[in-house]
C-alpha atoms as a PDB file:
ATOM      1  CA  MET A   1     101.160 113.053  82.042  1.00  0.00           C
ATOM      2  CA  CYS A   2     101.591 113.346  85.768  1.00  0.00           C
ATOM      3  CA  ALA A   3     100.908 116.717  87.359  1.00  0.00           C
ATOM      4  CA  ASP A   4      99.953 118.262  90.686  1.00  0.00           C
ATOM      5  CA  ALA A   5      96.170 118.832  90.615  1.00  0.00           C
ATOM      6  CA  ARG A   6      96.678 122.038  92.609  1.00  0.00           C
ATOM      7  CA  ARG A   7      98.782 123.568  89.788  1.00  0.00           C
ATOM      8  CA  MET A   8      98.037 121.928  86.437  1.00  0.00           C
ATOM      9  CA  PRO A   9     100.255 122.752  83.427  1.00  0.00           C
ATOM     10  CA  PHE A  10      97.368 123.684  81.141  1.00  0.00           C
ATOM     11  CA  ARG A  11      96.101 126.975  79.822  1.00  0.00           C
ATOM     12  CA  ASP A  12      92.838 128.441  81.084  1.00  0.00           C
ATOM     13  CA  ARG A  13      89.742 126.676  79.707  1.00  0.00           C
ATOM     14  CA  ALA A  14      91.849 124.095  77.833  1.00  0.00           C
ATOM     15  CA  PHE A  15      89.173 121.433  78.366  1.00  0.00           C
ATOM     16  CA  ASP A  16      85.384 121.166  78.314  1.00  0.00           C
ATOM     17  CA  TRP A  17      85.316 118.923  81.392  1.00  0.00           C
ATOM     18  CA  ALA A  18      87.564 118.008  84.333  1.00  0.00           C
ATOM     19  CA  ILE A  19      86.424 114.866  86.159  1.00  0.00           C
ATOM     20  CA  THR A  20      87.353 113.437  89.512  1.00  0.00           C
ATOM     21  CA  PHE A  21      86.041 110.023  90.448  1.00  0.00           C
ATOM     22  CA  PHE A  22      86.753 109.273  94.107  1.00  0.00           C
ATOM     23  CA  GLY A  23      89.821 111.533  93.801  1.00  0.00           C
ATOM     24  CA  LEU A  24      89.313 114.294  96.356  1.00  0.00           C
ATOM     25  CA  MET A  25      89.105 111.754  99.170  1.00  0.00           C
ATOM     26  CA  TYR A  26      92.847 111.181  98.765  1.00  0.00           C
ATOM     27  CA  ILE A  27      93.723 114.863  99.151  1.00  0.00           C
ATOM     28  CA  ARG A  28      94.490 115.865 102.716  1.00  0.00           C
ATOM     29  CA  GLY A  29      93.373 119.147 104.106  1.00  0.00           C
ATOM     30  CA  ARG A  30      90.542 121.504 103.220  1.00  0.00           C
ATOM     31  CA  GLY A  31      92.852 124.088 101.623  1.00  0.00           C
ATOM     32  CA  ASP A  32      94.334 121.631  99.138  1.00  0.00           C
ATOM     33  CA  LYS A  33      90.878 120.300  98.253  1.00  0.00           C
ATOM     34  CA  GLU A  34      89.724 123.857  97.541  1.00  0.00           C
ATOM     35  CA  ARG A  35      92.818 124.482  95.375  1.00  0.00           C
ATOM     36  CA  VAL A  36      92.131 121.320  93.342  1.00  0.00           C
ATOM     37  CA  LEU A  37      88.539 122.378  92.693  1.00  0.00           C
ATOM     38  CA  ARG A  38      89.505 125.934  91.753  1.00  0.00           C
ATOM     39  CA  GLU A  39      92.267 124.657  89.480  1.00  0.00           C
ATOM     40  CA  GLY A  40      89.771 122.322  87.809  1.00  0.00           C
ATOM     41  CA  LEU A  41      87.503 125.277  87.150  1.00  0.00           C
ATOM     42  CA  ARG A  42      90.469 127.210  85.717  1.00  0.00           C
ATOM     43  CA  VAL A  43      91.461 124.560  83.167  1.00  0.00           C
ATOM     44  CA  ALA A  44      87.923 123.370  82.254  1.00  0.00           C
ATOM     45  CA  ARG A  45      84.533 124.960  81.755  1.00  0.00           C
ATOM     46  CA  LYS A  46      82.840 122.296  83.915  1.00  0.00           C
ATOM     47  CA  VAL A  47      83.947 119.958  86.688  1.00  0.00           C
ATOM     48  CA  LEU A  48      82.190 116.689  87.513  1.00  0.00           C
ATOM     49  CA  LEU A  49      82.815 115.144  90.937  1.00  0.00           C
ATOM     50  CA  VAL A  50      81.829 111.706  92.133  1.00  0.00           C
ATOM     51  CA  GLU A  51      82.902 111.229  95.712  1.00  0.00           C
ATOM     52  CA  PRO A  52      81.979 108.931  98.598  1.00  0.00           C
ATOM     53  CA  VAL A  53      79.842 110.105 101.496  1.00  0.00           C
ATOM     54  CA  ILE A  54      81.291 109.140 104.849  1.00  0.00           C
ATOM     55  CA  ALA A  55      78.406 109.308 107.283  1.00  0.00           C
ATOM     56  CA  ARG A  56      80.436 109.120 110.460  1.00  0.00           C
ATOM     57  CA  ARG A  57      83.907 109.853 111.731  1.00  0.00           C
ATOM     58  CA  ALA A  58      86.063 107.174 110.179  1.00  0.00           C
ATOM     59  CA  GLY A  59      89.595 105.960 110.597  1.00  0.00           C
ATOM     60  CA  ASP A  60      91.422 104.002 107.912  1.00  0.00           C
ATOM     61  CA  TYR A  61      89.210 101.657 105.959  1.00  0.00           C
ATOM     62  CA  LEU A  62      89.095  99.379 102.961  1.00  0.00           C
ATOM     63  CA  VAL A  63      86.581  99.769 100.124  1.00  0.00           C
ATOM     64  CA  ARG A  64      85.564  96.852  97.875  1.00  0.00           C
ATOM     65  CA  VAL A  65      84.566  97.784  94.351  1.00  0.00           C
ATOM     66  CA  HIS A  66      82.796  95.723  91.699  1.00  0.00           C
ATOM     67  CA  VAL A  67      82.971  97.084  88.143  1.00  0.00           C
ATOM     68  CA  LEU A  68      79.834  96.095  86.225  1.00  0.00           C
ATOM     69  CA  ASP A  69      79.012  95.945  82.558  1.00  0.00           C
ATOM     70  CA  LYS A  70      75.242  95.652  82.024  1.00  0.00           C
ATOM     71  CA  GLY A  71      74.893  94.195  85.511  1.00  0.00           C
ATOM     72  CA  ARG A  72      77.654  91.575  85.076  1.00  0.00           C
ATOM     73  CA  THR A  73      80.805  91.861  87.183  1.00  0.00           C
ATOM     74  CA  VAL A  74      83.808  92.381  84.907  1.00  0.00           C
ATOM     75  CA  HIS A  75      86.361  93.333  87.586  1.00  0.00           C
ATOM     76  CA  ARG A  76      86.737  93.335  91.350  1.00  0.00           C
ATOM     77  CA  THR A  77      89.195  95.383  93.298  1.00  0.00           C
ATOM     78  CA  CYS A  78      89.658  97.140  96.599  1.00  0.00           C
ATOM     79  CA  PHE A  79      91.461 100.211  97.808  1.00  0.00           C
ATOM     80  CA  GLY A  80      92.384 101.633 101.155  1.00  0.00           C
ATOM     81  CA  VAL A  81      91.603 105.140 102.322  1.00  0.00           C
ATOM     82  CA  SER A  82      92.745 107.094 105.311  1.00  0.00           C
ATOM     83  CA  GLY A  83      89.499 108.401 106.798  1.00  0.00           C
ATOM     84  CA  LYS A  84      91.001 111.309 108.709  1.00  0.00           C
ATOM     85  CA  ASN A  85      89.513 114.563 107.352  1.00  0.00           C
ATOM     86  CA  ILE A  86      87.697 112.759 104.526  1.00  0.00           C
ATOM     87  CA  ARG A  87      84.405 114.381 105.530  1.00  0.00           C
ATOM     88  CA  GLN A  88      85.827 117.726 104.432  1.00  0.00           C
ATOM     89  CA  THR A  89      85.093 116.961 100.767  1.00  0.00           C
ATOM     90  CA  GLY A  90      81.337 117.504 101.017  1.00  0.00           C
ATOM     91  CA  SER A  91      81.709 120.756 102.966  1.00  0.00           C
ATOM     92  CA  VAL A  92      84.280 122.067 100.478  1.00  0.00           C
ATOM     93  CA  VAL A  93      81.909 121.323  97.595  1.00  0.00           C
ATOM     94  CA  ARG A  94      79.024 123.027  99.413  1.00  0.00           C
ATOM     95  CA  MET A  95      81.279 126.056 100.047  1.00  0.00           C
ATOM     96  CA  MET A  96      81.694 126.340  96.273  1.00  0.00           C
ATOM     97  CA  ALA A  97      77.941 126.960  96.077  1.00  0.00           C
ATOM     98  CA  GLY A  98      78.552 130.310  97.757  1.00  0.00           C
ATOM     99  CA  SER A  99      80.834 131.349  94.892  1.00  0.00           C
ATOM    100  CA  GLY A 100      78.171 130.423  92.333  1.00  0.00           C
ATOM    101  CA  SER A 101      80.221 127.545  90.931  1.00  0.00           C
ATOM    102  CA  LEU A 102      78.037 124.689  92.183  1.00  0.00           C
ATOM    103  CA  VAL A 103      75.348 123.951  89.601  1.00  0.00           C
ATOM    104  CA  ARG A 104      74.022 120.630  90.794  1.00  0.00           C
ATOM    105  CA  LEU A 105      74.522 118.407  93.812  1.00  0.00           C
ATOM    106  CA  ARG A 106      72.916 114.988  94.124  1.00  0.00           C
ATOM    107  CA  GLU A 107      73.520 113.144  97.356  1.00  0.00           C
ATOM    108  CA  GLU A 108      72.893 109.458  97.799  1.00  0.00           C
ATOM    109  CA  ARG A 109      73.492 107.290 100.821  1.00  0.00           C
ATOM    110  CA  ASN A 110      77.060 106.297  99.867  1.00  0.00           C
ATOM    111  CA  TYR A 111      78.219 108.920  97.365  1.00  0.00           C
ATOM    112  CA  PHE A 112      77.487 112.320  95.917  1.00  0.00           C
ATOM    113  CA  ILE A 113      77.716 113.758  92.422  1.00  0.00           C
ATOM    114  CA  ALA A 114      78.345 117.458  91.911  1.00  0.00           C
ATOM    115  CA  THR A 115      78.684 119.598  88.785  1.00  0.00           C
ATOM    116  CA  LEU A 116      80.668 122.836  88.972  1.00  0.00           C
ATOM    117  CA  HIS A 117      80.805 125.525  86.300  1.00  0.00           C
ATOM    118  CA  GLY A 118      83.431 128.220  86.043  1.00  0.00           C
END
């Protein structure tokens, strides 16, 4: 199924979890990122986010990824990202804390993991 993450064609609480893995970084604009998170909380009881942390103002860049299985590389790939406005993701997630949705936020040097509950 292909659907707009801002308006998903599912009933309320249709799922236990909604997961985004490096997905919000592709959504332009703070408003659309907020809509995606709120829609995730509408269709699922919990939302898990894994997103990169961009420590400085960035332009377009290329990310190299190694997929590991028990420490052994099983796949290598890369993807490009437009860095404009990418730093909004962390601030949008922190804003969700004010609404009581943010349950846990763990920040590492290169990524963060957040759990949201509806």
